[in-house]
Amino acid sequence: MADNTDILLDDTFDLIIENGDFKLGDAWVQDIELILTLSKGELKSDPLLGPDLIQAINAKERNVRIEQRVKVNLERDGKQVSNIKIDNGNIIIIP
């Protein structure tokens, strides 16, 4: 897996500051969480990135289609995942 060191965010996506500086650490999970919250057009650097999960849920898409949306968008950002599964409304991603 590639080096995923980046500035870390807390649960509300605010910067974590320690000893007057940004906290660094493995941001792989954080990156995935951010991607999953995106809708297409929200990210200026890549307007096509975003699985539009709210739209998919409101349209009552099948889990297989939502899993495909997630996989395509994670791969678009360079994330390598071996399996994506939806279980009881939770998205489970296995690197």
N, C-alpha and C. Protein backbone atom coordinates (compact mmCIF):
# COMPACT_ATOMS: atom_id res chain seq x y z
N MET A 1 0.85 -1.17 0.00
CA MET A 1 0.00 0.00 0.00
C MET A 1 0.90 1.23 0.00
N ALA A 2 0.47 2.28 -0.67
CA ALA A 2 1.24 3.51 -0.78
C ALA A 2 1.28 4.24 0.56
N ASP A 3 2.21 5.20 0.66
CA ASP A 3 2.31 6.02 1.85
C ASP A 3 1.07 6.90 1.94
N ASN A 4 0.31 6.76 3.00
CA ASN A 4 -0.93 7.51 3.17
C ASN A 4 -0.81 8.57 4.25
N THR A 5 0.41 9.03 4.53
CA THR A 5 0.60 10.04 5.55
C THR A 5 0.07 11.38 5.05
N ASP A 6 -0.76 11.99 5.89
CA ASP A 6 -1.36 13.28 5.53
C ASP A 6 -1.77 13.98 6.81
N ILE A 7 -2.26 15.20 6.67
CA ILE A 7 -2.80 15.93 7.81
C ILE A 7 -4.09 15.25 8.24
N LEU A 8 -4.23 15.03 9.54
CA LEU A 8 -5.40 14.31 10.05
C LEU A 8 -6.51 15.26 10.46
N LEU A 9 -7.74 14.77 10.33
CA LEU A 9 -8.93 15.51 10.70
C LEU A 9 -9.65 14.76 11.81
N ASP A 10 -10.45 15.49 12.61
CA ASP A 10 -11.24 14.82 13.64
C ASP A 10 -12.54 14.30 13.03
N ASP A 11 -13.44 13.82 13.88
CA ASP A 11 -14.69 13.21 13.40
C ASP A 11 -15.61 14.19 12.69
N THR A 12 -15.41 15.50 12.92
CA THR A 12 -16.22 16.51 12.24
C THR A 12 -15.46 17.15 11.08
N PHE A 13 -14.37 16.53 10.68
CA PHE A 13 -13.53 16.97 9.56
C PHE A 13 -12.82 18.30 9.83
N ASP A 14 -12.60 18.63 11.11
CA ASP A 14 -11.78 19.79 11.47
C ASP A 14 -10.33 19.32 11.63
N LEU A 15 -9.39 20.23 11.37
CA LEU A 15 -7.98 19.90 11.53
C LEU A 15 -7.66 19.54 12.97
N ILE A 16 -6.79 18.56 13.15
CA ILE A 16 -6.32 18.21 14.49
C ILE A 16 -4.98 18.93 14.68
N ILE A 17 -4.91 19.74 15.75
CA ILE A 17 -3.70 20.49 16.05
C ILE A 17 -3.12 19.92 17.35
N GLU A 18 -1.85 19.56 17.32
CA GLU A 18 -1.15 19.08 18.51
C GLU A 18 0.14 19.86 18.65
N ASN A 19 0.38 20.37 19.84
CA ASN A 19 1.60 21.15 20.12
C ASN A 19 1.79 22.27 19.11
N GLY A 20 0.70 22.91 18.73
CA GLY A 20 0.77 24.05 17.83
C GLY A 20 1.01 23.72 16.37
N ASP A 21 0.91 22.45 15.99
CA ASP A 21 1.15 22.06 14.60
C ASP A 21 0.10 21.05 14.16
N PHE A 22 -0.04 20.89 12.85
CA PHE A 22 -0.97 19.90 12.32
C PHE A 22 -0.51 18.50 12.71
N LYS A 23 -1.47 17.66 13.05
CA LYS A 23 -1.14 16.27 13.36
C LYS A 23 -1.09 15.49 12.06
N LEU A 24 -0.02 14.73 11.88
CA LEU A 24 0.15 13.88 10.70
C LEU A 24 -0.06 12.43 11.08
N GLY A 25 -0.51 11.63 10.13
CA GLY A 25 -0.68 10.21 10.37
C GLY A 25 -1.25 9.53 9.15
N ASP A 26 -1.57 8.25 9.31
CA ASP A 26 -2.13 7.48 8.21
C ASP A 26 -3.56 7.95 7.95
N ALA A 27 -3.80 8.48 6.76
CA ALA A 27 -5.09 9.09 6.43
C ALA A 27 -5.90 8.25 5.45
N TRP A 28 -5.58 6.97 5.29
CA TRP A 28 -6.25 6.12 4.31
C TRP A 28 -7.76 6.08 4.57
N VAL A 29 -8.16 5.79 5.80
CA VAL A 29 -9.58 5.70 6.14
C VAL A 29 -10.24 7.07 6.00
N GLN A 30 -9.54 8.09 6.48
CA GLN A 30 -10.05 9.46 6.40
C GLN A 30 -10.29 9.86 4.94
N ASP A 31 -9.37 9.54 4.06
CA ASP A 31 -9.53 9.85 2.63
C ASP A 31 -10.78 9.18 2.06
N ILE A 32 -10.99 7.93 2.43
CA ILE A 32 -12.16 7.20 1.94
C ILE A 32 -13.45 7.83 2.46
N GLU A 33 -13.45 8.19 3.75
CA GLU A 33 -14.64 8.84 4.32
C GLU A 33 -14.97 10.13 3.56
N LEU A 34 -13.95 10.91 3.26
CA LEU A 34 -14.17 12.17 2.54
C LEU A 34 -14.71 11.90 1.13
N ILE A 35 -14.15 10.92 0.45
CA ILE A 35 -14.62 10.60 -0.91
C ILE A 35 -16.09 10.17 -0.87
N LEU A 36 -16.45 9.36 0.12
CA LEU A 36 -17.82 8.85 0.20
C LEU A 36 -18.84 9.95 0.48
N THR A 37 -18.40 11.06 1.05
CA THR A 37 -19.33 12.17 1.32
C THR A 37 -19.53 13.07 0.11
N LEU A 38 -18.73 12.91 -0.93
CA LEU A 38 -18.78 13.81 -2.08
C LEU A 38 -19.91 13.46 -3.05
N SER A 39 -20.41 14.50 -3.67
CA SER A 39 -21.27 14.37 -4.83
C SER A 39 -20.49 14.91 -6.02
N LYS A 40 -20.78 14.42 -7.19
CA LYS A 40 -20.08 14.90 -8.38
C LYS A 40 -20.18 16.42 -8.47
N GLY A 41 -19.05 17.07 -8.82
CA GLY A 41 -19.02 18.50 -8.98
C GLY A 41 -18.58 19.27 -7.74
N GLU A 42 -18.48 18.61 -6.60
CA GLU A 42 -18.11 19.30 -5.36
C GLU A 42 -16.61 19.54 -5.24
N LEU A 43 -15.79 18.72 -5.86
CA LEU A 43 -14.35 18.84 -5.74
C LEU A 43 -13.79 19.51 -6.98
N LYS A 44 -13.26 20.70 -6.81
CA LYS A 44 -12.80 21.49 -7.95
C LYS A 44 -11.68 20.78 -8.73
N SER A 45 -10.78 20.11 -8.01
CA SER A 45 -9.66 19.46 -8.68
C SER A 45 -10.06 18.21 -9.46
N ASP A 46 -11.22 17.63 -9.14
CA ASP A 46 -11.72 16.46 -9.87
C ASP A 46 -13.25 16.45 -9.79
N PRO A 47 -13.90 17.22 -10.66
CA PRO A 47 -15.36 17.35 -10.58
C PRO A 47 -16.14 16.06 -10.82
N LEU A 48 -15.50 15.03 -11.36
CA LEU A 48 -16.20 13.76 -11.59
C LEU A 48 -16.12 12.82 -10.39
N LEU A 49 -15.29 13.17 -9.40
CA LEU A 49 -15.14 12.32 -8.21
C LEU A 49 -16.32 12.53 -7.27
N GLY A 50 -16.91 11.46 -6.83
CA GLY A 50 -18.02 11.51 -5.89
C GLY A 50 -19.06 10.47 -6.24
N PRO A 51 -19.33 9.55 -5.32
CA PRO A 51 -20.28 8.48 -5.63
C PRO A 51 -21.75 8.87 -5.54
N ASP A 52 -22.06 10.11 -5.11
CA ASP A 52 -23.46 10.55 -5.01
C ASP A 52 -24.30 9.57 -4.21
N LEU A 53 -23.82 9.20 -3.02
CA LEU A 53 -24.52 8.18 -2.24
C LEU A 53 -25.91 8.61 -1.79
N ILE A 54 -26.08 9.89 -1.49
CA ILE A 54 -27.42 10.35 -1.09
C ILE A 54 -28.41 10.13 -2.22
N GLN A 55 -28.00 10.47 -3.43
CA GLN A 55 -28.86 10.26 -4.60
C GLN A 55 -29.16 8.76 -4.77
N ALA A 56 -28.15 7.93 -4.61
CA ALA A 56 -28.34 6.49 -4.78
C ALA A 56 -29.30 5.92 -3.75
N ILE A 57 -29.16 6.38 -2.51
CA ILE A 57 -30.04 5.89 -1.44
C ILE A 57 -31.47 6.37 -1.67
N ASN A 58 -31.62 7.65 -2.03
CA ASN A 58 -32.97 8.18 -2.30
C ASN A 58 -33.63 7.49 -3.48
N ALA A 59 -32.82 7.05 -4.45
CA ALA A 59 -33.35 6.35 -5.61
C ALA A 59 -33.56 4.86 -5.33
N LYS A 60 -33.23 4.46 -4.12
CA LYS A 60 -33.37 3.06 -3.69
C LYS A 60 -32.64 2.09 -4.62
N GLU A 61 -31.41 2.50 -4.98
CA GLU A 61 -30.59 1.62 -5.83
C GLU A 61 -30.22 0.35 -5.07
N ARG A 62 -30.03 -0.69 -5.81
CA ARG A 62 -29.61 -1.96 -5.21
C ARG A 62 -28.20 -1.83 -4.66
N ASN A 63 -27.90 -2.62 -3.64
CA ASN A 63 -26.58 -2.58 -2.99
C ASN A 63 -25.46 -2.81 -3.98
N VAL A 64 -25.67 -3.70 -4.94
CA VAL A 64 -24.63 -4.01 -5.92
C VAL A 64 -24.26 -2.76 -6.72
N ARG A 65 -25.22 -1.97 -7.07
CA ARG A 65 -24.98 -0.73 -7.82
C ARG A 65 -24.25 0.30 -6.96
N ILE A 66 -24.63 0.41 -5.69
CA ILE A 66 -23.95 1.33 -4.79
C ILE A 66 -22.51 0.89 -4.56
N GLU A 67 -22.31 -0.42 -4.38
CA GLU A 67 -20.94 -0.94 -4.22
C GLU A 67 -20.10 -0.59 -5.44
N GLN A 68 -20.68 -0.69 -6.63
CA GLN A 68 -19.98 -0.36 -7.87
C GLN A 68 -19.62 1.13 -7.90
N ARG A 69 -20.55 1.99 -7.50
CA ARG A 69 -20.28 3.44 -7.44
C ARG A 69 -19.09 3.73 -6.53
N VAL A 70 -19.10 3.11 -5.36
CA VAL A 70 -18.03 3.32 -4.39
C VAL A 70 -16.70 2.85 -4.96
N LYS A 71 -16.67 1.65 -5.53
CA LYS A 71 -15.42 1.09 -6.07
C LYS A 71 -14.86 1.97 -7.18
N VAL A 72 -15.68 2.41 -8.10
CA VAL A 72 -15.23 3.24 -9.22
C VAL A 72 -14.62 4.55 -8.71
N ASN A 73 -15.26 5.15 -7.73
CA ASN A 73 -14.77 6.43 -7.22
C ASN A 73 -13.50 6.27 -6.39
N LEU A 74 -13.39 5.20 -5.63
CA LEU A 74 -12.15 4.97 -4.88
C LEU A 74 -11.00 4.71 -5.83
N GLU A 75 -11.24 3.92 -6.86
CA GLU A 75 -10.20 3.65 -7.85
C GLU A 75 -9.82 4.92 -8.60
N ARG A 76 -10.79 5.80 -8.86
CA ARG A 76 -10.51 7.07 -9.53
C ARG A 76 -9.52 7.90 -8.72
N ASP A 77 -9.58 7.77 -7.39
CA ASP A 77 -8.66 8.50 -6.51
C ASP A 77 -7.39 7.71 -6.23
N GLY A 78 -7.25 6.54 -6.84
CA GLY A 78 -6.03 5.75 -6.66
C GLY A 78 -6.05 4.81 -5.47
N LYS A 79 -7.19 4.62 -4.85
CA LYS A 79 -7.30 3.70 -3.72
C LYS A 79 -7.51 2.28 -4.25
N GLN A 80 -6.67 1.38 -3.80
CA GLN A 80 -6.80 -0.02 -4.18
C GLN A 80 -7.56 -0.76 -3.09
N VAL A 81 -8.70 -1.32 -3.44
CA VAL A 81 -9.50 -2.09 -2.49
C VAL A 81 -9.78 -3.46 -3.09
N SER A 82 -9.80 -4.47 -2.23
CA SER A 82 -10.05 -5.81 -2.75
C SER A 82 -11.53 -6.17 -2.71
N ASN A 83 -12.28 -5.56 -1.77
CA ASN A 83 -13.69 -5.93 -1.67
C ASN A 83 -14.48 -4.78 -1.04
N ILE A 84 -15.68 -4.59 -1.53
CA ILE A 84 -16.62 -3.61 -0.98
C ILE A 84 -17.94 -4.33 -0.80
N LYS A 85 -18.53 -4.18 0.39
CA LYS A 85 -19.79 -4.87 0.67
C LYS A 85 -20.66 -3.94 1.52
N ILE A 86 -21.95 -3.99 1.29
CA ILE A 86 -22.89 -3.24 2.12
C ILE A 86 -23.62 -4.26 3.00
N ASP A 87 -23.55 -4.00 4.32
CA ASP A 87 -24.16 -4.91 5.28
C ASP A 87 -24.94 -4.07 6.30
N ASN A 88 -26.25 -4.23 6.33
CA ASN A 88 -27.12 -3.48 7.26
C ASN A 88 -26.89 -1.97 7.15
N GLY A 89 -26.73 -1.49 5.95
CA GLY A 89 -26.56 -0.05 5.72
C GLY A 89 -25.16 0.46 5.92
N ASN A 90 -24.22 -0.40 6.31
CA ASN A 90 -22.83 -0.02 6.49
C ASN A 90 -22.00 -0.43 5.27
N ILE A 91 -21.13 0.47 4.82
CA ILE A 91 -20.24 0.15 3.72
C ILE A 91 -18.95 -0.39 4.31
N ILE A 92 -18.62 -1.62 3.95
CA ILE A 92 -17.42 -2.28 4.46
C ILE A 92 -16.41 -2.33 3.30
N ILE A 93 -15.24 -1.74 3.54
CA ILE A 93 -14.20 -1.67 2.52
C ILE A 93 -12.99 -2.42 3.02
N ILE A 94 -12.54 -3.39 2.23
CA ILE A 94 -11.37 -4.19 2.60
C ILE A 94 -10.24 -3.87 1.65
N PRO A 95 -9.11 -3.38 2.22
CA PRO A 95 -7.96 -3.01 1.34
C PRO A 95 -7.34 -4.21 0.66
